[in-house]
PDB file of N, CA and C in Angstrom:
ATOM      1  N   MET A   1      19.675  -0.621  11.584  1.00  0.00           N
ATOM      2  CA  MET A   1      18.304  -0.222  11.764  1.00  0.00           C
ATOM      3  C   MET A   1      17.690   0.133  10.404  1.00  0.00           C
ATOM      4  N   GLU A   2      16.479  -0.359  10.156  1.00  0.00           N
ATOM      5  CA  GLU A   2      15.813  -0.110   8.882  1.00  0.00           C
ATOM      6  C   GLU A   2      15.209   1.291   8.848  1.00  0.00           C
ATOM      7  N   SER A   3      15.284   1.918   7.687  1.00  0.00           N
ATOM      8  CA  SER A   3      14.663   3.232   7.534  1.00  0.00           C
ATOM      9  C   SER A   3      13.147   3.054   7.418  1.00  0.00           C
ATOM     10  N   ASN A   4      12.416   4.137   7.636  1.00  0.00           N
ATOM     11  CA  ASN A   4      10.959   4.083   7.495  1.00  0.00           C
ATOM     12  C   ASN A   4      10.566   3.671   6.080  1.00  0.00           C
ATOM     13  N   LYS A   5      11.292   4.154   5.096  1.00  0.00           N
ATOM     14  CA  LYS A   5      11.040   3.783   3.703  1.00  0.00           C
ATOM     15  C   LYS A   5      11.217   2.278   3.503  1.00  0.00           C
ATOM     16  N   GLU A   6      12.294   1.717   4.028  1.00  0.00           N
ATOM     17  CA  GLU A   6      12.537   0.274   3.906  1.00  0.00           C
ATOM     18  C   GLU A   6      11.421  -0.525   4.575  1.00  0.00           C
ATOM     19  N   ILE A   7      10.953  -0.067   5.721  1.00  0.00           N
ATOM     20  CA  ILE A   7       9.887  -0.763   6.444  1.00  0.00           C
ATOM     21  C   ILE A   7       8.613  -0.782   5.610  1.00  0.00           C
ATOM     22  N   VAL A   8       8.226   0.356   5.077  1.00  0.00           N
ATOM     23  CA  VAL A   8       6.994   0.432   4.280  1.00  0.00           C
ATOM     24  C   VAL A   8       7.103  -0.428   3.028  1.00  0.00           C
ATOM     25  N   LEU A   9       8.234  -0.413   2.363  1.00  0.00           N
ATOM     26  CA  LEU A   9       8.396  -1.249   1.176  1.00  0.00           C
ATOM     27  C   LEU A   9       8.312  -2.733   1.529  1.00  0.00           C
ATOM     28  N   LYS A  10       8.863  -3.127   2.652  1.00  0.00           N
ATOM     29  CA  LYS A  10       8.744  -4.520   3.087  1.00  0.00           C
ATOM     30  C   LYS A  10       7.294  -4.874   3.404  1.00  0.00           C
ATOM     31  N   VAL A  11       6.565  -3.931   4.005  1.00  0.00           N
ATOM     32  CA  VAL A  11       5.146  -4.150   4.315  1.00  0.00           C
ATOM     33  C   VAL A  11       4.353  -4.349   3.033  1.00  0.00           C
ATOM     34  N   LEU A  12       4.524  -3.454   2.068  1.00  0.00           N
ATOM     35  CA  LEU A  12       3.759  -3.550   0.825  1.00  0.00           C
ATOM     36  C   LEU A  12       4.119  -4.798   0.023  1.00  0.00           C
ATOM     37  N   LYS A  13       5.398  -5.078  -0.103  1.00  0.00           N
ATOM     38  CA  LYS A  13       5.821  -6.285  -0.822  1.00  0.00           C
ATOM     39  C   LYS A  13       5.324  -7.532  -0.105  1.00  0.00           C
ATOM     40  N   GLY A  14       5.480  -7.557   1.213  1.00  0.00           N
ATOM     41  CA  GLY A  14       5.049  -8.726   1.981  1.00  0.00           C
ATOM     42  C   GLY A  14       3.558  -8.954   1.885  1.00  0.00           C
ATOM     43  N   ALA A  15       2.770  -7.905   2.036  1.00  0.00           N
ATOM     44  CA  ALA A  15       1.315  -8.054   2.046  1.00  0.00           C
ATOM     45  C   ALA A  15       0.743  -8.299   0.659  1.00  0.00           C
ATOM     46  N   PHE A  16       1.127  -7.490  -0.325  1.00  0.00           N
ATOM     47  CA  PHE A  16       0.443  -7.503  -1.613  1.00  0.00           C
ATOM     48  C   PHE A  16       1.156  -8.254  -2.728  1.00  0.00           C
ATOM     49  N   ILE A  17       2.441  -8.537  -2.577  1.00  0.00           N
ATOM     50  CA  ILE A  17       3.166  -9.285  -3.606  1.00  0.00           C
ATOM     51  C   ILE A  17       3.438 -10.711  -3.135  1.00  0.00           C
ATOM     52  N   GLU A  18       3.996 -10.858  -1.928  1.00  0.00           N
ATOM     53  CA  GLU A  18       4.339 -12.185  -1.406  1.00  0.00           C
ATOM     54  C   GLU A  18       3.213 -12.832  -0.611  1.00  0.00           C
ATOM     55  N   ARG A  19       2.217 -12.046  -0.179  1.00  0.00           N
ATOM     56  CA  ARG A  19       1.085 -12.514   0.641  1.00  0.00           C
ATOM     57  C   ARG A  19       1.575 -13.163   1.939  1.00  0.00           C
ATOM     58  N   ASP A  20       2.550 -12.510   2.560  1.00  0.00           N
ATOM     59  CA  ASP A  20       3.203 -13.008   3.769  1.00  0.00           C
ATOM     60  C   ASP A  20       2.597 -12.338   5.005  1.00  0.00           C
ATOM     61  N   VAL A  21       1.750 -13.057   5.713  1.00  0.00           N
ATOM     62  CA  VAL A  21       1.069 -12.513   6.900  1.00  0.00           C
ATOM     63  C   VAL A  21       2.058 -12.153   8.009  1.00  0.00           C
ATOM     64  N   SER A  22       3.248 -12.737   8.002  1.00  0.00           N
ATOM     65  CA  SER A  22       4.210 -12.459   9.069  1.00  0.00           C
ATOM     66  C   SER A  22       4.673 -11.000   9.073  1.00  0.00           C
ATOM     67  N   VAL A  23       4.464 -10.248   7.980  1.00  0.00           N
ATOM     68  CA  VAL A  23       4.843  -8.832   7.988  1.00  0.00           C
ATOM     69  C   VAL A  23       4.035  -8.062   9.029  1.00  0.00           C
ATOM     70  N   VAL A  24       2.843  -8.545   9.332  1.00  0.00           N
ATOM     71  CA  VAL A  24       1.999  -7.845  10.308  1.00  0.00           C
ATOM     72  C   VAL A  24       2.657  -7.865  11.680  1.00  0.00           C
ATOM     73  N   GLU A  25       3.083  -9.026  12.122  1.00  0.00           N
ATOM     74  CA  GLU A  25       3.718  -9.146  13.437  1.00  0.00           C
ATOM     75  C   GLU A  25       5.037  -8.376  13.496  1.00  0.00           C
ATOM     76  N   ARG A  26       5.778  -8.409  12.393  1.00  0.00           N
ATOM     77  CA  ARG A  26       7.087  -7.753  12.361  1.00  0.00           C
ATOM     78  C   ARG A  26       7.001  -6.232  12.269  1.00  0.00           C
ATOM     79  N   TYR A  27       6.008  -5.707  11.525  1.00  0.00           N
ATOM     80  CA  TYR A  27       6.046  -4.289  11.179  1.00  0.00           C
ATOM     81  C   TYR A  27       4.828  -3.445  11.548  1.00  0.00           C
ATOM     82  N   PHE A  28       3.778  -4.017  12.095  1.00  0.00           N
ATOM     83  CA  PHE A  28       2.601  -3.227  12.440  1.00  0.00           C
ATOM     84  C   PHE A  28       2.457  -3.075  13.945  1.00  0.00           C
ATOM     85  N   SER A  29       2.069  -1.886  14.369  1.00  0.00           N
ATOM     86  CA  SER A  29       1.734  -1.656  15.767  1.00  0.00           C
ATOM     87  C   SER A  29       0.399  -2.341  16.052  1.00  0.00           C
ATOM     88  N   PRO A  30       0.249  -2.947  17.227  1.00  0.00           N
ATOM     89  CA  PRO A  30      -1.054  -3.536  17.575  1.00  0.00           C
ATOM     90  C   PRO A  30      -2.167  -2.489  17.581  1.00  0.00           C
ATOM     91  N   ASP A  31      -1.810  -1.219  17.824  1.00  0.00           N
ATOM     92  CA  ASP A  31      -2.781  -0.126  17.873  1.00  0.00           C
ATOM     93  C   ASP A  31      -2.882   0.603  16.530  1.00  0.00           C
ATOM     94  N   TYR A  32      -2.519  -0.065  15.455  1.00  0.00           N
ATOM     95  CA  TYR A  32      -2.530   0.483  14.099  1.00  0.00           C
ATOM     96  C   TYR A  32      -3.863   1.162  13.790  1.00  0.00           C
ATOM     97  N   VAL A  33      -3.794   2.385  13.251  1.00  0.00           N
ATOM     98  CA  VAL A  33      -4.984   3.163  12.894  1.00  0.00           C
ATOM     99  C   VAL A  33      -5.123   3.165  11.373  1.00  0.00           C
ATOM    100  N   GLN A  34      -6.300   2.781  10.905  1.00  0.00           N
ATOM    101  CA  GLN A  34      -6.573   2.640   9.478  1.00  0.00           C
ATOM    102  C   GLN A  34      -7.600   3.687   9.046  1.00  0.00           C
ATOM    103  N   HIS A  35      -7.321   4.387   7.944  1.00  0.00           N
ATOM    104  CA  HIS A  35      -8.245   5.397   7.440  1.00  0.00           C
ATOM    105  C   HIS A  35      -8.956   4.953   6.163  1.00  0.00           C
ATOM    106  N   ASN A  36      -8.648   3.775   5.637  1.00  0.00           N
ATOM    107  CA  ASN A  36      -9.399   3.235   4.501  1.00  0.00           C
ATOM    108  C   ASN A  36     -10.778   2.851   5.023  1.00  0.00           C
ATOM    109  N   PRO A  37     -11.864   3.257   4.360  1.00  0.00           N
ATOM    110  CA  PRO A  37     -13.206   3.049   4.904  1.00  0.00           C
ATOM    111  C   PRO A  37     -13.679   1.603   4.967  1.00  0.00           C
ATOM    112  N   VAL A  38     -12.975   0.682   4.319  1.00  0.00           N
ATOM    113  CA  VAL A  38     -13.439  -0.715   4.330  1.00  0.00           C
ATOM    114  C   VAL A  38     -12.571  -1.646   5.174  1.00  0.00           C
ATOM    115  N   ILE A  39     -11.570  -1.094   5.861  1.00  0.00           N
ATOM    116  CA  ILE A  39     -10.672  -1.907   6.688  1.00  0.00           C
ATOM    117  C   ILE A  39     -10.718  -1.376   8.114  1.00  0.00           C
ATOM    118  N   ARG A  40     -10.844  -2.291   9.071  1.00  0.00           N
ATOM    119  CA  ARG A  40     -10.914  -1.920  10.487  1.00  0.00           C
ATOM    120  C   ARG A  40      -9.553  -1.465  11.017  1.00  0.00           C
ATOM    121  N   ASN A  41      -9.567  -0.816  12.172  1.00  0.00           N
ATOM    122  CA  ASN A  41      -8.350  -0.479  12.898  1.00  0.00           C
ATOM    123  C   ASN A  41      -7.730  -1.751  13.467  1.00  0.00           C
ATOM    124  N   GLY A  42      -6.459  -1.663  13.835  1.00  0.00           N
ATOM    125  CA  GLY A  42      -5.764  -2.765  14.489  1.00  0.00           C
ATOM    126  C   GLY A  42      -5.011  -3.629  13.500  1.00  0.00           C
ATOM    127  N   SER A  43      -3.870  -4.119  13.919  1.00  0.00           N
ATOM    128  CA  SER A  43      -3.044  -4.952  13.040  1.00  0.00           C
ATOM    129  C   SER A  43      -3.742  -6.247  12.645  1.00  0.00           C
ATOM    130  N   GLY A  44      -4.653  -6.727  13.485  1.00  0.00           N
ATOM    131  CA  GLY A  44      -5.384  -7.951  13.168  1.00  0.00           C
ATOM    132  C   GLY A  44      -6.201  -7.839  11.893  1.00  0.00           C
ATOM    133  N   ALA A  45      -6.671  -6.641  11.584  1.00  0.00           N
ATOM    134  CA  ALA A  45      -7.445  -6.448  10.355  1.00  0.00           C
ATOM    135  C   ALA A  45      -6.583  -6.712   9.124  1.00  0.00           C
ATOM    136  N   ILE A  46      -5.320  -6.322   9.178  1.00  0.00           N
ATOM    137  CA  ILE A  46      -4.413  -6.564   8.050  1.00  0.00           C
ATOM    138  C   ILE A  46      -4.064  -8.053   7.975  1.00  0.00           C
ATOM    139  N   ALA A  47      -3.835  -8.662   9.124  1.00  0.00           N
ATOM    140  CA  ALA A  47      -3.526 -10.097   9.151  1.00  0.00           C
ATOM    141  C   ALA A  47      -4.693 -10.909   8.588  1.00  0.00           C
ATOM    142  N   THR A  48      -5.910 -10.459   8.816  1.00  0.00           N
ATOM    143  CA  THR A  48      -7.098 -11.136   8.290  1.00  0.00           C
ATOM    144  C   THR A  48      -7.268 -10.863   6.796  1.00  0.00           C
ATOM    145  N   LEU A  49      -6.910  -9.658   6.359  1.00  0.00           N
ATOM    146  CA  LEU A  49      -7.066  -9.269   4.959  1.00  0.00           C
ATOM    147  C   LEU A  49      -6.143 -10.041   4.019  1.00  0.00           C
ATOM    148  N   ILE A  50      -4.882 -10.180   4.366  1.00  0.00           N
ATOM    149  CA  ILE A  50      -3.875 -10.745   3.454  1.00  0.00           C
ATOM    150  C   ILE A  50      -4.293 -12.102   2.881  1.00  0.00           C
ATOM    151  N   PRO A  51      -4.748 -13.072   3.686  1.00  0.00           N
ATOM    152  CA  PRO A  51      -5.109 -14.371   3.096  1.00  0.00           C
ATOM    153  C   PRO A  51      -6.352 -14.318   2.194  1.00  0.00           C
ATOM    154  N   THR A  52      -7.132 -13.255   2.274  1.00  0.00           N
ATOM    155  CA  THR A  52      -8.343 -13.161   1.456  1.00  0.00           C
ATOM    156  C   THR A  52      -8.100 -12.474   0.117  1.00  0.00           C
ATOM    157  N   LEU A  53      -6.890 -11.982  -0.111  1.00  0.00           N
ATOM    158  CA  LEU A  53      -6.597 -11.299  -1.371  1.00  0.00           C
ATOM    159  C   LEU A  53      -6.724 -12.279  -2.535  1.00  0.00           C
ATOM    160  N   LYS A  54      -7.361 -11.828  -3.601  1.00  0.00           N
ATOM    161  CA  LYS A  54      -7.570 -12.668  -4.780  1.00  0.00           C
ATOM    162  C   LYS A  54      -6.237 -13.080  -5.389  1.00  0.00           C
ATOM    163  N   LYS A  55      -6.213 -14.278  -5.937  1.00  0.00           N
ATOM    164  CA  LYS A  55      -4.987 -14.799  -6.561  1.00  0.00           C
ATOM    165  C   LYS A  55      -4.535 -13.926  -7.733  1.00  0.00           C
ATOM    166  N   ASP A  56      -5.507 -13.310  -8.428  1.00  0.00           N
ATOM    167  CA  ASP A  56      -5.150 -12.508  -9.599  1.00  0.00           C
ATOM    168  C   ASP A  56      -4.848 -11.048  -9.259  1.00  0.00           C
ATOM    169  N   LEU A  57      -4.846 -10.692  -7.979  1.00  0.00           N
ATOM    170  CA  LEU A  57      -4.467  -9.336  -7.577  1.00  0.00           C
ATOM    171  C   LEU A  57      -2.965  -9.161  -7.730  1.00  0.00           C
ATOM    172  N   SER A  58      -2.581  -8.080  -8.387  1.00  0.00           N
ATOM    173  CA  SER A  58      -1.153  -7.757  -8.467  1.00  0.00           C
ATOM    174  C   SER A  58      -0.951  -6.326  -8.000  1.00  0.00           C
ATOM    175  N   TYR A  59       0.250  -6.052  -7.549  1.00  0.00           N
ATOM    176  CA  TYR A  59       0.588  -4.732  -7.041  1.00  0.00           C
ATOM    177  C   TYR A  59       1.960  -4.344  -7.575  1.00  0.00           C
ATOM    178  N   GLU A  60       2.078  -3.096  -8.055  1.00  0.00           N
ATOM    179  CA  GLU A  60       3.347  -2.556  -8.528  1.00  0.00           C
ATOM    180  C   GLU A  60       3.677  -1.311  -7.732  1.00  0.00           C
ATOM    181  N   ILE A  61       4.925  -1.185  -7.368  1.00  0.00           N
ATOM    182  CA  ILE A  61       5.399  -0.021  -6.629  1.00  0.00           C
ATOM    183  C   ILE A  61       5.981   0.980  -7.617  1.00  0.00           C
ATOM    184  N   GLY A  62       5.579   2.236  -7.464  1.00  0.00           N
ATOM    185  CA  GLY A  62       6.121   3.321  -8.280  1.00  0.00           C
ATOM    186  C   GLY A  62       7.026   4.197  -7.441  1.00  0.00           C
ATOM    187  N   MET A  63       6.731   5.478  -7.422  1.00  0.00           N
ATOM    188  CA  MET A  63       7.539   6.434  -6.655  1.00  0.00           C
ATOM    189  C   MET A  63       7.342   6.251  -5.152  1.00  0.00           C
ATOM    190  N   VAL A  64       8.398   6.496  -4.409  1.00  0.00           N
ATOM    191  CA  VAL A  64       8.343   6.435  -2.948  1.00  0.00           C
ATOM    192  C   VAL A  64       8.967   7.716  -2.411  1.00  0.00           C
ATOM    193  N   VAL A  65       8.237   8.381  -1.519  1.00  0.00           N
ATOM    194  CA  VAL A  65       8.724   9.610  -0.905  1.00  0.00           C
ATOM    195  C   VAL A  65       8.655   9.427   0.606  1.00  0.00           C
ATOM    196  N   ALA A  66       9.747   9.738   1.278  1.00  0.00           N
ATOM    197  CA  ALA A  66       9.784   9.598   2.732  1.00  0.00           C
ATOM    198  C   ALA A  66      10.325  10.876   3.355  1.00  0.00           C
ATOM    199  N   GLU A  67       9.625  11.316   4.397  1.00  0.00           N
ATOM    200  CA  GLU A  67      10.104  12.457   5.162  1.00  0.00           C
ATOM    201  C   GLU A  67       9.664  12.268   6.604  1.00  0.00           C
ATOM    202  N   GLY A  68      10.634  12.244   7.496  1.00  0.00           N
ATOM    203  CA  GLY A  68      10.322  12.041   8.905  1.00  0.00           C
ATOM    204  C   GLY A  68       9.615  10.712   9.112  1.00  0.00           C
ATOM    205  N   ASP A  69       8.468  10.757   9.799  1.00  0.00           N
ATOM    206  CA  ASP A  69       7.754   9.512  10.082  1.00  0.00           C
ATOM    207  C   ASP A  69       6.713   9.157   9.017  1.00  0.00           C
ATOM    208  N   LEU A  70       6.674   9.926   7.915  1.00  0.00           N
ATOM    209  CA  LEU A  70       5.707   9.659   6.848  1.00  0.00           C
ATOM    210  C   LEU A  70       6.385   9.095   5.607  1.00  0.00           C
ATOM    211  N   VAL A  71       5.728   8.089   5.010  1.00  0.00           N
ATOM    212  CA  VAL A  71       6.198   7.489   3.764  1.00  0.00           C
ATOM    213  C   VAL A  71       5.002   7.397   2.826  1.00  0.00           C
ATOM    214  N   MET A  72       5.171   7.902   1.597  1.00  0.00           N
ATOM    215  CA  MET A  72       4.107   7.837   0.590  1.00  0.00           C
ATOM    216  C   MET A  72       4.585   6.996  -0.579  1.00  0.00           C
ATOM    217  N   VAL A  73       3.700   6.106  -1.032  1.00  0.00           N
ATOM    218  CA  VAL A  73       4.037   5.211  -2.132  1.00  0.00           C
ATOM    219  C   VAL A  73       2.971   5.333  -3.209  1.00  0.00           C
ATOM    220  N   HIS A  74       3.409   5.640  -4.423  1.00  0.00           N
ATOM    221  CA  HIS A  74       2.524   5.681  -5.586  1.00  0.00           C
ATOM    222  C   HIS A  74       2.538   4.272  -6.172  1.00  0.00           C
ATOM    223  N   GLY A  75       1.390   3.609  -6.167  1.00  0.00           N
ATOM    224  CA  GLY A  75       1.338   2.224  -6.610  1.00  0.00           C
ATOM    225  C   GLY A  75       0.166   1.941  -7.516  1.00  0.00           C
ATOM    226  N   ARG A  76       0.162   0.739  -8.060  1.00  0.00           N
ATOM    227  CA  ARG A  76      -0.892   0.309  -8.988  1.00  0.00           C
ATOM    228  C   ARG A  76      -1.383  -1.065  -8.563  1.00  0.00           C
ATOM    229  N   TYR A  77      -2.700  -1.153  -8.313  1.00  0.00           N
ATOM    230  CA  TYR A  77      -3.352  -2.404  -7.944  1.00  0.00           C
ATOM    231  C   TYR A  77      -4.174  -2.891  -9.136  1.00  0.00           C
ATOM    232  N   VAL A  78      -3.928  -4.098  -9.574  1.00  0.00           N
ATOM    233  CA  VAL A  78      -4.721  -4.697 -10.649  1.00  0.00           C
ATOM    234  C   VAL A  78      -5.420  -5.913 -10.060  1.00  0.00           C
ATOM    235  N   GLY A  79      -6.753  -5.941 -10.198  1.00  0.00           N
ATOM    236  CA  GLY A  79      -7.525  -7.055  -9.663  1.00  0.00           C
ATOM    237  C   GLY A  79      -8.206  -6.752  -8.345  1.00  0.00           C
ATOM    238  N   TRP A  80      -8.003  -5.561  -7.805  1.00  0.00           N
ATOM    239  CA  TRP A  80      -8.686  -5.169  -6.557  1.00  0.00           C
ATOM    240  C   TRP A  80     -10.134  -4.823  -6.874  1.00  0.00           C
ATOM    241  N   GLY A  81     -10.336  -4.163  -8.005  1.00  0.00           N
ATOM    242  CA  GLY A  81     -11.671  -3.800  -8.472  1.00  0.00           C
ATOM    243  C   GLY A  81     -11.802  -4.185  -9.925  1.00  0.00           C
ATOM    244  N   PRO A  82     -12.874  -3.765 -10.573  1.00  0.00           N
ATOM    245  CA  PRO A  82     -13.078  -4.145 -11.971  1.00  0.00           C
ATOM    246  C   PRO A  82     -12.049  -3.531 -12.918  1.00  0.00           C
ATOM    247  N   LYS A  83     -11.471  -2.386 -12.548  1.00  0.00           N
ATOM    248  CA  LYS A  83     -10.445  -1.730 -13.352  1.00  0.00           C
ATOM    249  C   LYS A  83      -9.198  -1.549 -12.485  1.00  0.00           C
ATOM    250  N   PRO A  84      -8.016  -1.441 -13.121  1.00  0.00           N
ATOM    251  CA  PRO A  84      -6.816  -1.162 -12.332  1.00  0.00           C
ATOM    252  C   PRO A  84      -6.994   0.131 -11.536  1.00  0.00           C
ATOM    253  N   LEU A  85      -6.408   0.156 -10.354  1.00  0.00           N
ATOM    254  CA  LEU A  85      -6.468   1.329  -9.477  1.00  0.00           C
ATOM    255  C   LEU A  85      -5.068   1.881  -9.271  1.00  0.00           C
ATOM    256  N   VAL A  86      -4.937   3.184  -9.399  1.00  0.00           N
ATOM    257  CA  VAL A  86      -3.693   3.867  -9.083  1.00  0.00           C
ATOM    258  C   VAL A  86      -3.904   4.504  -7.717  1.00  0.00           C
ATOM    259  N   ALA A  87      -2.927   4.340  -6.842  1.00  0.00           N
ATOM    260  CA  ALA A  87      -3.113   4.779  -5.453  1.00  0.00           C
ATOM    261  C   ALA A  87      -1.881   5.490  -4.930  1.00  0.00           C
ATOM    262  N   VAL A  88      -2.123   6.321  -3.946  1.00  0.00           N
ATOM    263  CA  VAL A  88      -1.055   6.833  -3.092  1.00  0.00           C
ATOM    264  C   VAL A  88      -1.390   6.328  -1.696  1.00  0.00           C
ATOM    265  N   ASP A  89      -0.526   5.494  -1.170  1.00  0.00           N
ATOM    266  CA  ASP A  89      -0.655   4.996   0.199  1.00  0.00           C
ATOM    267  C   ASP A  89       0.274   5.824   1.067  1.00  0.00           C
ATOM    268  N   ILE A  90      -0.256   6.296   2.181  1.00  0.00           N
ATOM    269  CA  ILE A  90       0.519   7.124   3.105  1.00  0.00           C
ATOM    270  C   ILE A  90       0.603   6.386   4.437  1.00  0.00           C
ATOM    271  N   PHE A  91       1.807   6.181   4.906  1.00  0.00           N
ATOM    272  CA  PHE A  91       2.042   5.453   6.149  1.00  0.00           C
ATOM    273  C   PHE A  91       2.749   6.352   7.147  1.00  0.00           C
ATOM    274  N   LYS A  92       2.365   6.221   8.408  1.00  0.00           N
ATOM    275  CA  LYS A  92       3.109   6.844   9.504  1.00  0.00           C
ATOM    276  C   LYS A  92       3.840   5.710  10.209  1.00  0.00           C
ATOM    277  N   VAL A  93       5.148   5.878  10.395  1.00  0.00           N
ATOM    278  CA  VAL A  93       5.986   4.851  11.008  1.00  0.00           C
ATOM    279  C   VAL A  93       6.647   5.442  12.242  1.00  0.00           C
ATOM    280  N   ARG A  94       6.550   4.720  13.349  1.00  0.00           N
ATOM    281  CA  ARG A  94       7.208   5.137  14.595  1.00  0.00           C
ATOM    282  C   ARG A  94       7.838   3.922  15.252  1.00  0.00           C
ATOM    283  N   GLY A  95       9.088   4.074  15.643  1.00  0.00           N
ATOM    284  CA  GLY A  95       9.776   2.992  16.337  1.00  0.00           C
ATOM    285  C   GLY A  95       9.842   1.706  15.545  1.00  0.00           C
ATOM    286  N   GLY A  96       9.953   1.814  14.221  1.00  0.00           N
ATOM    287  CA  GLY A  96      10.068   0.629  13.379  1.00  0.00           C
ATOM    288  C   GLY A  96       8.752  -0.072  13.085  1.00  0.00           C
ATOM    289  N   ARG A  97       7.631   0.568  13.434  1.00  0.00           N
ATOM    290  CA  ARG A  97       6.304  -0.042  13.228  1.00  0.00           C
ATOM    291  C   ARG A  97       5.380   0.923  12.492  1.00  0.00           C
ATOM    292  N   VAL A  98       4.553   0.358  11.613  1.00  0.00           N
ATOM    293  CA  VAL A  98       3.517   1.150  10.957  1.00  0.00           C
ATOM    294  C   VAL A  98       2.427   1.400  11.992  1.00  0.00           C
ATOM    295  N   VAL A  99       2.139   2.689  12.243  1.00  0.00           N
ATOM    296  CA  VAL A  99       1.143   3.037  13.250  1.00  0.00           C
ATOM    297  C   VAL A  99      -0.134   3.614  12.652  1.00  0.00           C
ATOM    298  N   GLU A 100      -0.060   4.060  11.373  1.00  0.00           N
ATOM    299  CA  GLU A 100      -1.242   4.672  10.766  1.00  0.00           C
ATOM    300  C   GLU A 100      -1.123   4.604   9.245  1.00  0.00           C
ATOM    301  N   HIS A 101      -2.286   4.551   8.561  1.00  0.00           N
ATOM    302  CA  HIS A 101      -2.317   4.454   7.096  1.00  0.00           C
ATOM    303  C   HIS A 101      -3.511   5.202   6.519  1.00  0.00           C
ATOM    304  N   TRP A 102      -3.251   5.916   5.421  1.00  0.00           N
ATOM    305  CA  TRP A 102      -4.291   6.559   4.608  1.00  0.00           C
ATOM    306  C   TRP A 102      -4.047   6.118   3.175  1.00  0.00           C
ATOM    307  N   ASP A 103      -5.083   6.157   2.345  1.00  0.00           N
ATOM    308  CA  ASP A 103      -4.865   5.936   0.919  1.00  0.00           C
ATOM    309  C   ASP A 103      -5.848   6.748   0.096  1.00  0.00           C
ATOM    310  N   VAL A 104      -5.429   7.050  -1.110  1.00  0.00           N
ATOM    311  CA  VAL A 104      -6.262   7.710  -2.105  1.00  0.00           C
ATOM    312  C   VAL A 104      -6.142   6.853  -3.349  1.00  0.00           C
ATOM    313  N   MET A 105      -7.298   6.365  -3.854  1.00  0.00           N
ATOM    314  CA  MET A 105      -7.287   5.463  -5.004  1.00  0.00           C
ATOM    315  C   MET A 105      -8.228   5.985  -6.080  1.00  0.00           C
ATOM    316  N   GLN A 106      -7.828   5.767  -7.330  1.00  0.00           N
ATOM    317  CA  GLN A 106      -8.731   6.094  -8.427  1.00  0.00           C
ATOM    318  C   GLN A 106      -8.529   5.092  -9.554  1.00  0.00           C
ATOM    319  N   GLU A 107      -9.586   4.893 -10.339  1.00  0.00           N
ATOM    320  CA  GLU A 107      -9.481   3.991 -11.472  1.00  0.00           C
ATOM    321  C   GLU A 107      -8.484   4.564 -12.469  1.00  0.00           C
ATOM    322  N   GLU A 108      -7.674   3.673 -13.012  1.00  0.00           N
ATOM    323  CA  GLU A 108      -6.665   4.095 -13.977  1.00  0.00           C
ATOM    324  C   GLU A 108      -7.312   4.395 -15.325  1.00  0.00           C
ATOM    325  N   VAL A 109      -6.880   5.489 -15.929  1.00  0.00           N
ATOM    326  CA  VAL A 109      -7.303   5.860 -17.272  1.00  0.00           C
ATOM    327  C   VAL A 109      -6.119   5.575 -18.193  1.00  0.00           C
ATOM    328  N   PRO A 110      -6.328   4.825 -19.285  1.00  0.00           N
ATOM    329  CA  PRO A 110      -5.204   4.558 -20.199  1.00  0.00           C
ATOM    330  C   PRO A 110      -4.608   5.859 -20.738  1.00  0.00           C
ATOM    331  N   ALA A 111      -3.309   5.869 -20.965  1.00  0.00           N
ATOM    332  CA  ALA A 111      -2.621   7.069 -21.437  1.00  0.00           C
ATOM    333  C   ALA A 111      -3.275   7.631 -22.692  1.00  0.00           C
ATOM    334  N   ALA A 112      -3.723   6.765 -23.573  1.00  0.00           N
ATOM    335  CA  ALA A 112      -4.343   7.222 -24.823  1.00  0.00           C
ATOM    336  C   ALA A 112      -5.633   7.996 -24.580  1.00  0.00           C
ATOM    337  N   ALA A 113      -6.235   7.823 -23.402  1.00  0.00           N
ATOM    338  CA  ALA A 113      -7.496   8.505 -23.091  1.00  0.00           C
ATOM    339  C   ALA A 113      -7.306   9.711 -22.182  1.00  0.00           C
ATOM    340  N   THR A 114      -6.059  10.062 -21.851  1.00  0.00           N
ATOM    341  CA  THR A 114      -5.824  11.234 -21.009  1.00  0.00           C
ATOM    342  C   THR A 114      -5.598  12.464 -21.884  1.00  0.00           C
ATOM    343  N   ALA A 115      -5.900  13.636 -21.360  1.00  0.00           N
ATOM    344  CA  ALA A 115      -5.723  14.887 -22.107  1.00  0.00           C
ATOM    345  C   ALA A 115      -4.261  15.109 -22.475  1.00  0.00           C
ATOM    346  N   SER A 116      -3.351  14.675 -21.609  1.00  0.00           N
ATOM    347  CA  SER A 116      -1.920  14.890 -21.849  1.00  0.00           C
ATOM    348  C   SER A 116      -1.274  13.787 -22.669  1.00  0.00           C
ATOM    349  N   GLY A 117      -1.925  12.629 -22.718  1.00  0.00           N
ATOM    350  CA  GLY A 117      -1.316  11.473 -23.357  1.00  0.00           C
ATOM    351  C   GLY A 117      -0.327  10.747 -22.451  1.00  0.00           C
ATOM    352  N   ASN A 118      -0.236  11.201 -21.195  1.00  0.00           N
ATOM    353  CA  ASN A 118       0.691  10.593 -20.230  1.00  0.00           C
ATOM    354  C   ASN A 118      -0.017   9.553 -19.392  1.00  0.00           C
ATOM    355  N   PRO A 119       0.703   8.497 -18.999  1.00  0.00           N
ATOM    356  CA  PRO A 119       0.092   7.493 -18.118  1.00  0.00           C
ATOM    357  C   PRO A 119      -0.064   8.037 -16.695  1.00  0.00           C
ATOM    358  N   MET A 120      -1.013   7.466 -15.967  1.00  0.00           N
ATOM    359  CA  MET A 120      -1.222   7.846 -14.564  1.00  0.00           C
ATOM    360  C   MET A 120      -0.189   7.185 -13.657  1.00  0.00           C
ATOM    361  N   PHE A 121       0.427   6.102 -14.124  1.00  0.00           N
ATOM    362  CA  PHE A 121       1.361   5.351 -13.287  1.00  0.00           C
ATOM    363  C   PHE A 121       2.555   4.922 -14.115  1.00  0.00           C
ATOM    364  N   SER A 122       3.725   5.050 -13.527  1.00  0.00           N
ATOM    365  CA  SER A 122       4.969   4.556 -14.128  1.00  0.00           C
ATOM    366  C   SER A 122       5.725   3.813 -13.046  1.00  0.00           C
ATOM    367  N   PRO A 123       6.084   2.538 -13.288  1.00  0.00           N
ATOM    368  CA  PRO A 123       6.843   1.805 -12.251  1.00  0.00           C
ATOM    369  C   PRO A 123       8.160   2.513 -11.952  1.00  0.00           C
ATOM    370  N   ALA A 124       8.636   2.312 -10.738  1.00  0.00           N
ATOM    371  CA  ALA A 124       9.890   2.940 -10.297  1.00  0.00           C
ATOM    372  C   ALA A 124      11.061   2.437 -11.100  1.00  0.00           C
TER     373      ALA A 124
END
């Protein structure tokens, strides 16, 4: 049996790296609840989104934290908007299916322009 962390990583890799629509049928609940303001509820919204992703969109996975039915992934999207975006995606997983998703995204600031000199994102 796959852990919730493994399921979420397969979802993110399948959707944003491999552009594999079959991850929706395998890993999303039909009653999937979406909290991103530009994506509808339901697994069909994700199945419709994946083929429309720009060819130059890339996604990198950073830290992953899992506890109970929640999995959080710190990631970096390049090509989603005019500047790279650093995000925390939060997934609720039940019975081997993603049932809910939230995200927090912000434009990436280069390390040289941060007060600390530290980058906002470091790959895992």
